[in-house]
Full PDB file with SEQRES, HELIX, SHEET, SSBOND, CRYST1, ORIGX, SCALE, CONECT and MASTER records, all heavy atoms in Angstrom:
SEQRES   1 A   35  LEU GLY ARG GLY VAL GLU ALA ALA ILE ARG GLN ASN ASN          
SEQRES   2 A   35  GLU MET GLU LEU VAL ALA VAL PHE THR ARG ARG ALA PRO          
SEQRES   3 A   35  GLU THR LEU LYS ILE LYS SER GLU ASN                          
HELIX    1 AA1 GLY A    2  ILE A    9  1                                   8    
HELIX    2 AA2 PRO A   26  THR A   28  5                                   3    
CRYST1    1.000    1.000    1.000  90.00  90.00  90.00 P 1           1          
ORIGX1      1.000000  0.000000  0.000000        0.00000                         
ORIGX2      0.000000  1.000000  0.000000        0.00000                         
ORIGX3      0.000000  0.000000  1.000000        0.00000                         
SCALE1      1.000000  0.000000  0.000000        0.00000                         
SCALE2      0.000000  1.000000  0.000000        0.00000                         
SCALE3      0.000000  0.000000  1.000000        0.00000                         
ATOM      1  N   LEU A   1      -7.130   8.216  -0.138  1.00  0.00           N  
ATOM      2  CA  LEU A   1      -7.744   7.087   0.547  1.00  0.00           C  
ATOM      3  C   LEU A   1      -6.794   5.931   0.548  1.00  0.00           C  
ATOM      4  O   LEU A   1      -6.637   5.185   1.609  1.00  0.00           O  
ATOM      5  CB  LEU A   1      -9.086   6.772  -0.057  1.00  0.00           C  
ATOM      6  CG  LEU A   1     -10.100   6.089   0.819  1.00  0.00           C  
ATOM      7  CD1 LEU A   1     -10.423   6.836   2.146  1.00  0.00           C  
ATOM      8  CD2 LEU A   1     -11.380   5.823   0.051  1.00  0.00           C  
ATOM      9  N   GLY A   2      -6.237   5.547  -0.527  1.00  0.00           N  
ATOM     10  CA  GLY A   2      -5.333   4.429  -0.584  1.00  0.00           C  
ATOM     11  C   GLY A   2      -4.084   4.559   0.245  1.00  0.00           C  
ATOM     12  O   GLY A   2      -3.739   3.626   0.952  1.00  0.00           O  
ATOM     13  N   ARG A   3      -3.575   5.780   0.308  1.00  0.00           N  
ATOM     14  CA  ARG A   3      -2.392   6.004   1.207  1.00  0.00           C  
ATOM     15  C   ARG A   3      -2.823   5.958   2.628  1.00  0.00           C  
ATOM     16  O   ARG A   3      -2.016   5.476   3.533  1.00  0.00           O  
ATOM     17  CB  ARG A   3      -1.816   7.438   0.983  1.00  0.00           C  
ATOM     18  CG  ARG A   3      -1.067   7.485  -0.356  1.00  0.00           C  
ATOM     19  CD  ARG A   3      -0.342   8.859  -0.488  1.00  0.00           C  
ATOM     20  NE  ARG A   3      -1.223  10.017  -0.665  1.00  0.00           N  
ATOM     21  CZ  ARG A   3      -1.585  10.388  -1.846  1.00  0.00           C  
ATOM     22  NH1 ARG A   3      -1.252   9.759  -2.928  1.00  0.00           N  
ATOM     23  NH2 ARG A   3      -2.445  11.391  -2.002  1.00  0.00           N  
ATOM     24  N   GLY A   4      -4.012   6.382   3.001  1.00  0.00           N  
ATOM     25  CA  GLY A   4      -4.526   6.149   4.333  1.00  0.00           C  
ATOM     26  C   GLY A   4      -4.731   4.740   4.720  1.00  0.00           C  
ATOM     27  O   GLY A   4      -4.402   4.283   5.798  1.00  0.00           O  
ATOM     28  N   VAL A   5      -5.248   3.867   3.800  1.00  0.00           N  
ATOM     29  CA  VAL A   5      -5.363   2.503   4.038  1.00  0.00           C  
ATOM     30  C   VAL A   5      -4.106   1.799   4.324  1.00  0.00           C  
ATOM     31  O   VAL A   5      -3.804   0.983   5.246  1.00  0.00           O  
ATOM     32  CB  VAL A   5      -6.148   1.756   2.890  1.00  0.00           C  
ATOM     33  CG1 VAL A   5      -6.014   0.290   2.987  1.00  0.00           C  
ATOM     34  CG2 VAL A   5      -7.595   2.210   2.855  1.00  0.00           C  
ATOM     35  N   GLU A   6      -2.985   2.155   3.467  1.00  0.00           N  
ATOM     36  CA  GLU A   6      -1.706   1.662   3.643  1.00  0.00           C  
ATOM     37  C   GLU A   6      -1.186   1.917   5.052  1.00  0.00           C  
ATOM     38  O   GLU A   6      -0.580   1.052   5.702  1.00  0.00           O  
ATOM     39  CB  GLU A   6      -0.717   2.218   2.649  1.00  0.00           C  
ATOM     40  CG  GLU A   6       0.665   1.734   2.699  1.00  0.00           C  
ATOM     41  CD  GLU A   6       1.580   2.532   1.770  1.00  0.00           C  
ATOM     42  OE1 GLU A   6       1.330   3.627   1.383  1.00  0.00           O  
ATOM     43  OE2 GLU A   6       2.698   1.930   1.423  1.00  0.00           O  
ATOM     44  N   ALA A   7      -1.367   3.134   5.592  1.00  0.00           N  
ATOM     45  CA  ALA A   7      -0.934   3.468   6.900  1.00  0.00           C  
ATOM     46  C   ALA A   7      -1.763   2.751   7.980  1.00  0.00           C  
ATOM     47  O   ALA A   7      -1.145   2.251   8.952  1.00  0.00           O  
ATOM     48  CB  ALA A   7      -1.081   4.982   7.107  1.00  0.00           C  
ATOM     49  N   ALA A   8      -3.000   2.591   7.778  1.00  0.00           N  
ATOM     50  CA  ALA A   8      -3.922   1.920   8.800  1.00  0.00           C  
ATOM     51  C   ALA A   8      -3.550   0.389   8.897  1.00  0.00           C  
ATOM     52  O   ALA A   8      -3.611  -0.135  10.020  1.00  0.00           O  
ATOM     53  CB  ALA A   8      -5.317   2.051   8.418  1.00  0.00           C  
ATOM     54  N   ILE A   9      -3.128  -0.174   7.827  1.00  0.00           N  
ATOM     55  CA  ILE A   9      -2.847  -1.626   7.853  1.00  0.00           C  
ATOM     56  C   ILE A   9      -1.711  -1.898   8.835  1.00  0.00           C  
ATOM     57  O   ILE A   9      -1.651  -2.855   9.557  1.00  0.00           O  
ATOM     58  CB  ILE A   9      -2.546  -2.179   6.447  1.00  0.00           C  
ATOM     59  CG1 ILE A   9      -3.813  -2.251   5.661  1.00  0.00           C  
ATOM     60  CG2 ILE A   9      -1.902  -3.602   6.495  1.00  0.00           C  
ATOM     61  CD1 ILE A   9      -3.608  -2.593   4.135  1.00  0.00           C  
ATOM     62  N   ARG A  10      -0.716  -0.951   8.885  1.00  0.00           N  
ATOM     63  CA  ARG A  10       0.392  -1.049   9.764  1.00  0.00           C  
ATOM     64  C   ARG A  10      -0.032  -1.013  11.244  1.00  0.00           C  
ATOM     65  O   ARG A  10       0.748  -1.537  12.109  1.00  0.00           O  
ATOM     66  CB  ARG A  10       1.454   0.058   9.579  1.00  0.00           C  
ATOM     67  CG  ARG A  10       2.033   0.057   8.161  1.00  0.00           C  
ATOM     68  CD  ARG A  10       3.031   1.193   8.029  1.00  0.00           C  
ATOM     69  NE  ARG A  10       4.201   0.988   8.853  1.00  0.00           N  
ATOM     70  CZ  ARG A  10       4.726   1.950   9.748  1.00  0.00           C  
ATOM     71  NH1 ARG A  10       3.946   2.941  10.056  1.00  0.00           N  
ATOM     72  NH2 ARG A  10       5.777   1.640  10.439  1.00  0.00           N  
ATOM     73  N   GLN A  11      -1.208  -0.517  11.562  1.00  0.00           N  
ATOM     74  CA  GLN A  11      -1.618  -0.487  13.007  1.00  0.00           C  
ATOM     75  C   GLN A  11      -2.399  -1.743  13.336  1.00  0.00           C  
ATOM     76  O   GLN A  11      -2.866  -1.845  14.546  1.00  0.00           O  
ATOM     77  CB  GLN A  11      -2.533   0.848  13.199  1.00  0.00           C  
ATOM     78  CG  GLN A  11      -1.701   2.039  12.983  1.00  0.00           C  
ATOM     79  CD  GLN A  11      -2.596   3.336  13.204  1.00  0.00           C  
ATOM     80  OE1 GLN A  11      -3.761   3.224  12.912  1.00  0.00           O  
ATOM     81  NE2 GLN A  11      -1.963   4.379  13.713  1.00  0.00           N  
ATOM     82  N   ASN A  12      -2.577  -2.627  12.430  1.00  0.00           N  
ATOM     83  CA  ASN A  12      -3.311  -3.810  12.695  1.00  0.00           C  
ATOM     84  C   ASN A  12      -2.473  -5.047  12.424  1.00  0.00           C  
ATOM     85  O   ASN A  12      -2.122  -5.466  11.295  1.00  0.00           O  
ATOM     86  CB  ASN A  12      -4.560  -3.916  11.715  1.00  0.00           C  
ATOM     87  CG  ASN A  12      -5.648  -2.842  12.059  1.00  0.00           C  
ATOM     88  OD1 ASN A  12      -6.505  -3.021  12.895  1.00  0.00           O  
ATOM     89  ND2 ASN A  12      -5.466  -1.707  11.489  1.00  0.00           N  
ATOM     90  N   ASN A  13      -2.023  -5.680  13.612  1.00  0.00           N  
ATOM     91  CA  ASN A  13      -1.033  -6.740  13.516  1.00  0.00           C  
ATOM     92  C   ASN A  13      -1.348  -7.956  12.781  1.00  0.00           C  
ATOM     93  O   ASN A  13      -0.389  -8.625  12.297  1.00  0.00           O  
ATOM     94  CB  ASN A  13      -0.645  -7.108  14.962  1.00  0.00           C  
ATOM     95  CG  ASN A  13      -0.019  -5.926  15.745  1.00  0.00           C  
ATOM     96  OD1 ASN A  13       0.590  -5.117  15.183  1.00  0.00           O  
ATOM     97  ND2 ASN A  13      -0.188  -5.954  17.067  1.00  0.00           N  
ATOM     98  N   GLU A  14      -2.598  -8.283  12.609  1.00  0.00           N  
ATOM     99  CA  GLU A  14      -3.037  -9.543  12.006  1.00  0.00           C  
ATOM    100  C   GLU A  14      -3.190  -9.260  10.502  1.00  0.00           C  
ATOM    101  O   GLU A  14      -3.685 -10.207   9.761  1.00  0.00           O  
ATOM    102  CB  GLU A  14      -4.147 -10.156  12.638  1.00  0.00           C  
ATOM    103  CG  GLU A  14      -5.517  -9.677  12.129  1.00  0.00           C  
ATOM    104  CD  GLU A  14      -5.957  -8.358  12.822  1.00  0.00           C  
ATOM    105  OE1 GLU A  14      -5.099  -7.508  13.108  1.00  0.00           O  
ATOM    106  OE2 GLU A  14      -7.238  -8.134  13.027  1.00  0.00           O  
ATOM    107  N   MET A  15      -2.888  -8.108  10.010  1.00  0.00           N  
ATOM    108  CA  MET A  15      -3.060  -7.819   8.521  1.00  0.00           C  
ATOM    109  C   MET A  15      -1.736  -7.561   7.896  1.00  0.00           C  
ATOM    110  O   MET A  15      -0.868  -7.053   8.472  1.00  0.00           O  
ATOM    111  CB  MET A  15      -3.935  -6.542   8.436  1.00  0.00           C  
ATOM    112  CG  MET A  15      -5.387  -6.687   8.904  1.00  0.00           C  
ATOM    113  SD  MET A  15      -6.327  -5.252   8.506  1.00  0.00           S  
ATOM    114  CE  MET A  15      -7.900  -5.641   9.258  1.00  0.00           C  
ATOM    115  N   GLU A  16      -1.754  -7.871   6.593  1.00  0.00           N  
ATOM    116  CA  GLU A  16      -0.453  -7.685   5.758  1.00  0.00           C  
ATOM    117  C   GLU A  16      -0.943  -7.114   4.400  1.00  0.00           C  
ATOM    118  O   GLU A  16      -1.783  -7.650   3.792  1.00  0.00           O  
ATOM    119  CB  GLU A  16       0.193  -9.076   5.547  1.00  0.00           C  
ATOM    120  CG  GLU A  16       1.405  -9.038   4.649  1.00  0.00           C  
ATOM    121  CD  GLU A  16       1.929 -10.370   4.274  1.00  0.00           C  
ATOM    122  OE1 GLU A  16       1.292 -11.424   4.741  1.00  0.00           O  
ATOM    123  OE2 GLU A  16       2.929 -10.406   3.598  1.00  0.00           O  
ATOM    124  N   LEU A  17      -0.306  -6.089   4.037  1.00  0.00           N  
ATOM    125  CA  LEU A  17      -0.525  -5.539   2.668  1.00  0.00           C  
ATOM    126  C   LEU A  17       0.268  -6.354   1.658  1.00  0.00           C  
ATOM    127  O   LEU A  17       1.518  -6.530   1.807  1.00  0.00           O  
ATOM    128  CB  LEU A  17      -0.088  -4.061   2.620  1.00  0.00           C  
ATOM    129  CG  LEU A  17      -0.250  -3.308   1.303  1.00  0.00           C  
ATOM    130  CD1 LEU A  17      -1.719  -3.255   0.882  1.00  0.00           C  
ATOM    131  CD2 LEU A  17       0.338  -1.898   1.309  1.00  0.00           C  
ATOM    132  N   VAL A  18      -0.423  -6.918   0.701  1.00  0.00           N  
ATOM    133  CA  VAL A  18       0.272  -7.841  -0.294  1.00  0.00           C  
ATOM    134  C   VAL A  18       0.331  -7.264  -1.717  1.00  0.00           C  
ATOM    135  O   VAL A  18       1.152  -7.814  -2.503  1.00  0.00           O  
ATOM    136  CB  VAL A  18      -0.369  -9.194  -0.280  1.00  0.00           C  
ATOM    137  CG1 VAL A  18      -0.293  -9.902   1.056  1.00  0.00           C  
ATOM    138  CG2 VAL A  18      -1.880  -9.085  -0.720  1.00  0.00           C  
ATOM    139  N   ALA A  19      -0.379  -6.233  -1.968  1.00  0.00           N  
ATOM    140  CA  ALA A  19      -0.426  -5.676  -3.243  1.00  0.00           C  
ATOM    141  C   ALA A  19      -1.117  -4.246  -3.368  1.00  0.00           C  
ATOM    142  O   ALA A  19      -2.058  -4.041  -2.608  1.00  0.00           O  
ATOM    143  CB  ALA A  19      -0.916  -6.530  -4.377  1.00  0.00           C  
ATOM    144  N   VAL A  20      -0.629  -3.405  -4.243  1.00  0.00           N  
ATOM    145  CA  VAL A  20      -1.309  -2.185  -4.590  1.00  0.00           C  
ATOM    146  C   VAL A  20      -1.590  -2.167  -6.061  1.00  0.00           C  
ATOM    147  O   VAL A  20      -0.641  -2.345  -6.862  1.00  0.00           O  
ATOM    148  CB  VAL A  20      -0.481  -0.901  -4.197  1.00  0.00           C  
ATOM    149  CG1 VAL A  20      -1.250   0.342  -4.681  1.00  0.00           C  
ATOM    150  CG2 VAL A  20      -0.343  -0.844  -2.687  1.00  0.00           C  
ATOM    151  N   PHE A  21      -2.799  -1.997  -6.484  1.00  0.00           N  
ATOM    152  CA  PHE A  21      -3.227  -2.019  -7.877  1.00  0.00           C  
ATOM    153  C   PHE A  21      -3.477  -0.514  -8.276  1.00  0.00           C  
ATOM    154  O   PHE A  21      -4.172   0.181  -7.559  1.00  0.00           O  
ATOM    155  CB  PHE A  21      -4.392  -2.888  -8.154  1.00  0.00           C  
ATOM    156  CG  PHE A  21      -4.171  -4.340  -7.873  1.00  0.00           C  
ATOM    157  CD1 PHE A  21      -4.761  -4.907  -6.712  1.00  0.00           C  
ATOM    158  CD2 PHE A  21      -3.367  -5.099  -8.629  1.00  0.00           C  
ATOM    159  CE1 PHE A  21      -4.520  -6.265  -6.373  1.00  0.00           C  
ATOM    160  CE2 PHE A  21      -3.166  -6.425  -8.315  1.00  0.00           C  
ATOM    161  CZ  PHE A  21      -3.689  -7.036  -7.222  1.00  0.00           C  
ATOM    162  N   THR A  22      -3.000  -0.171  -9.510  1.00  0.00           N  
ATOM    163  CA  THR A  22      -3.222   1.169 -10.007  1.00  0.00           C  
ATOM    164  C   THR A  22      -3.559   1.202 -11.438  1.00  0.00           C  
ATOM    165  O   THR A  22      -3.177   0.280 -12.158  1.00  0.00           O  
ATOM    166  CB  THR A  22      -1.915   2.028  -9.672  1.00  0.00           C  
ATOM    167  OG1 THR A  22      -2.165   3.359 -10.179  1.00  0.00           O  
ATOM    168  CG2 THR A  22      -0.710   1.303 -10.381  1.00  0.00           C  
ATOM    169  N   ARG A  23      -4.223   2.229 -11.865  1.00  0.00           N  
ATOM    170  CA  ARG A  23      -4.457   2.458 -13.314  1.00  0.00           C  
ATOM    171  C   ARG A  23      -3.283   3.176 -14.015  1.00  0.00           C  
ATOM    172  O   ARG A  23      -3.145   3.247 -15.225  1.00  0.00           O  
ATOM    173  CB  ARG A  23      -5.727   3.271 -13.601  1.00  0.00           C  
ATOM    174  CG  ARG A  23      -6.979   2.515 -13.268  1.00  0.00           C  
ATOM    175  CD  ARG A  23      -8.186   3.282 -13.443  1.00  0.00           C  
ATOM    176  NE  ARG A  23      -8.436   4.306 -12.385  1.00  0.00           N  
ATOM    177  CZ  ARG A  23      -9.568   4.855 -11.988  1.00  0.00           C  
ATOM    178  NH1 ARG A  23     -10.691   4.529 -12.727  1.00  0.00           N  
ATOM    179  NH2 ARG A  23      -9.617   5.766 -11.101  1.00  0.00           N  
ATOM    180  N   ARG A  24      -2.352   3.749 -13.156  1.00  0.00           N  
ATOM    181  CA  ARG A  24      -1.198   4.382 -13.672  1.00  0.00           C  
ATOM    182  C   ARG A  24      -0.207   3.308 -14.054  1.00  0.00           C  
ATOM    183  O   ARG A  24      -0.348   2.208 -13.823  1.00  0.00           O  
ATOM    184  CB  ARG A  24      -0.595   5.296 -12.652  1.00  0.00           C  
ATOM    185  CG  ARG A  24      -1.483   6.472 -12.237  1.00  0.00           C  
ATOM    186  CD  ARG A  24      -0.790   7.304 -11.089  1.00  0.00           C  
ATOM    187  NE  ARG A  24      -1.543   7.086  -9.795  1.00  0.00           N  
ATOM    188  CZ  ARG A  24      -1.171   7.573  -8.673  1.00  0.00           C  
ATOM    189  NH1 ARG A  24      -0.168   8.421  -8.696  1.00  0.00           N  
ATOM    190  NH2 ARG A  24      -1.826   7.352  -7.619  1.00  0.00           N  
ATOM    191  N   ALA A  25       0.901   3.831 -14.670  1.00  0.00           N  
ATOM    192  CA  ALA A  25       2.023   2.940 -15.017  1.00  0.00           C  
ATOM    193  C   ALA A  25       2.566   2.540 -13.624  1.00  0.00           C  
ATOM    194  O   ALA A  25       3.086   3.437 -12.909  1.00  0.00           O  
ATOM    195  CB  ALA A  25       3.000   3.587 -15.857  1.00  0.00           C  
ATOM    196  N   PRO A  26       2.628   1.238 -13.286  1.00  0.00           N  
ATOM    197  CA  PRO A  26       3.071   0.799 -11.929  1.00  0.00           C  
ATOM    198  C   PRO A  26       4.451   1.288 -11.544  1.00  0.00           C  
ATOM    199  O   PRO A  26       4.722   1.748 -10.399  1.00  0.00           O  
ATOM    200  CB  PRO A  26       3.034  -0.668 -12.010  1.00  0.00           C  
ATOM    201  CG  PRO A  26       2.007  -0.969 -12.984  1.00  0.00           C  
ATOM    202  CD  PRO A  26       2.140   0.072 -14.057  1.00  0.00           C  
ATOM    203  N   GLU A  27       5.364   1.446 -12.576  1.00  0.00           N  
ATOM    204  CA  GLU A  27       6.782   1.858 -12.171  1.00  0.00           C  
ATOM    205  C   GLU A  27       6.886   3.337 -11.776  1.00  0.00           C  
ATOM    206  O   GLU A  27       7.846   3.745 -11.290  1.00  0.00           O  
ATOM    207  CB  GLU A  27       7.671   1.564 -13.431  1.00  0.00           C  
ATOM    208  CG  GLU A  27       7.328   2.362 -14.696  1.00  0.00           C  
ATOM    209  CD  GLU A  27       6.287   1.622 -15.587  1.00  0.00           C  
ATOM    210  OE1 GLU A  27       5.674   0.713 -15.085  1.00  0.00           O  
ATOM    211  OE2 GLU A  27       6.153   2.121 -16.735  1.00  0.00           O  
ATOM    212  N   THR A  28       5.709   4.145 -12.090  1.00  0.00           N  
ATOM    213  CA  THR A  28       5.811   5.484 -11.700  1.00  0.00           C  
ATOM    214  C   THR A  28       5.242   5.779 -10.345  1.00  0.00           C  
ATOM    215  O   THR A  28       5.323   6.865  -9.772  1.00  0.00           O  
ATOM    216  CB  THR A  28       4.961   6.390 -12.748  1.00  0.00           C  
ATOM    217  OG1 THR A  28       3.600   5.965 -12.536  1.00  0.00           O  
ATOM    218  CG2 THR A  28       5.393   6.114 -14.122  1.00  0.00           C  
ATOM    219  N   LEU A  29       4.744   4.746  -9.691  1.00  0.00           N  
ATOM    220  CA  LEU A  29       4.033   4.910  -8.375  1.00  0.00           C  
ATOM    221  C   LEU A  29       4.967   4.443  -7.299  1.00  0.00           C  
ATOM    222  O   LEU A  29       5.394   3.227  -7.203  1.00  0.00           O  
ATOM    223  CB  LEU A  29       2.786   4.060  -8.351  1.00  0.00           C  
ATOM    224  CG  LEU A  29       1.816   4.266  -7.140  1.00  0.00           C  
ATOM    225  CD1 LEU A  29       1.347   5.719  -7.050  1.00  0.00           C  
ATOM    226  CD2 LEU A  29       0.637   3.309  -7.209  1.00  0.00           C  
ATOM    227  N   LYS A  30       5.279   5.304  -6.279  1.00  0.00           N  
ATOM    228  CA  LYS A  30       6.165   4.948  -5.220  1.00  0.00           C  
ATOM    229  C   LYS A  30       5.186   4.843  -3.962  1.00  0.00           C  
ATOM    230  O   LYS A  30       4.617   5.906  -3.629  1.00  0.00           O  
ATOM    231  CB  LYS A  30       7.232   6.004  -5.037  1.00  0.00           C  
ATOM    232  CG  LYS A  30       8.102   6.216  -6.228  1.00  0.00           C  
ATOM    233  CD  LYS A  30       8.799   4.942  -6.642  1.00  0.00           C  
ATOM    234  CE  LYS A  30       9.705   5.145  -7.836  1.00  0.00           C  
ATOM    235  NZ  LYS A  30      10.287   3.854  -8.321  1.00  0.00           N  
ATOM    236  N   ILE A  31       5.187   3.760  -3.245  1.00  0.00           N  
ATOM    237  CA  ILE A  31       4.461   3.610  -2.087  1.00  0.00           C  
ATOM    238  C   ILE A  31       5.398   3.539  -0.899  1.00  0.00           C  
ATOM    239  O   ILE A  31       6.680   3.316  -0.998  1.00  0.00           O  
ATOM    240  CB  ILE A  31       3.531   2.344  -2.056  1.00  0.00           C  
ATOM    241  CG1 ILE A  31       4.435   1.019  -2.117  1.00  0.00           C  
ATOM    242  CG2 ILE A  31       2.586   2.380  -3.227  1.00  0.00           C  
ATOM    243  CD1 ILE A  31       3.544  -0.222  -1.992  1.00  0.00           C  
ATOM    244  N   LYS A  32       4.931   3.659   0.337  1.00  0.00           N  
ATOM    245  CA  LYS A  32       5.767   3.648   1.508  1.00  0.00           C  
ATOM    246  C   LYS A  32       6.190   2.300   2.040  1.00  0.00           C  
ATOM    247  O   LYS A  32       7.179   2.115   2.712  1.00  0.00           O  
ATOM    248  CB  LYS A  32       5.099   4.499   2.622  1.00  0.00           C  
ATOM    249  CG  LYS A  32       4.986   5.942   2.293  1.00  0.00           C  
ATOM    250  CD  LYS A  32       4.450   6.762   3.539  1.00  0.00           C  
ATOM    251  CE  LYS A  32       4.440   8.303   3.165  1.00  0.00           C  
ATOM    252  NZ  LYS A  32       4.041   9.082   4.335  1.00  0.00           N  
ATOM    253  N   SER A  33       5.327   1.313   1.768  1.00  0.00           N  
ATOM    254  CA  SER A  33       5.548  -0.049   2.280  1.00  0.00           C  
ATOM    255  C   SER A  33       6.649  -0.683   1.531  1.00  0.00           C  
ATOM    256  O   SER A  33       6.695  -0.660   0.251  1.00  0.00           O  
ATOM    257  CB  SER A  33       4.311  -0.877   2.210  1.00  0.00           C  
ATOM    258  OG  SER A  33       3.282  -0.297   2.908  1.00  0.00           O  
ATOM    259  N   GLU A  34       7.632  -1.302   2.193  1.00  0.00           N  
ATOM    260  CA  GLU A  34       8.665  -2.084   1.571  1.00  0.00           C  
ATOM    261  C   GLU A  34       8.284  -3.440   1.058  1.00  0.00           C  
ATOM    262  O   GLU A  34       7.482  -4.095   1.742  1.00  0.00           O  
ATOM    263  CB  GLU A  34       9.902  -2.085   2.438  1.00  0.00           C  
ATOM    264  CG  GLU A  34      10.499  -0.816   2.818  1.00  0.00           C  
ATOM    265  CD  GLU A  34      11.655  -0.858   3.725  1.00  0.00           C  
ATOM    266  OE1 GLU A  34      12.035  -1.938   4.148  1.00  0.00           O  
ATOM    267  OE2 GLU A  34      12.247   0.135   4.101  1.00  0.00           O  
ATOM    268  N   ASN A  35       8.869  -3.875  -0.015  1.00  0.00           N  
ATOM    269  CA  ASN A  35       8.653  -5.272  -0.533  1.00  0.00           C  
ATOM    270  C   ASN A  35       7.188  -5.549  -0.830  1.00  0.00           C  
ATOM    271  O   ASN A  35       6.789  -6.730  -0.722  1.00  0.00           O  
ATOM    272  CB  ASN A  35       9.198  -6.274   0.531  1.00  0.00           C  
ATOM    273  CG  ASN A  35      10.713  -6.015   0.755  1.00  0.00           C  
ATOM    274  OD1 ASN A  35      11.491  -5.742  -0.131  1.00  0.00           O  
ATOM    275  ND2 ASN A  35      11.050  -6.114   2.028  1.00  0.00           N  
TER     276      ASN A  35                                                      
MASTER        0    0    0    2    0    0    0    6  275    1    0    3          
END                                                                             
């Protein structure tokens, strides 16, 4: 679901993804959005 939301945000011009929060160790999680 989270990966789907990340992709959907890209289709909405007035939205910006500013953070992804996880219970895992953050350094182990690779997301598709840059910066």
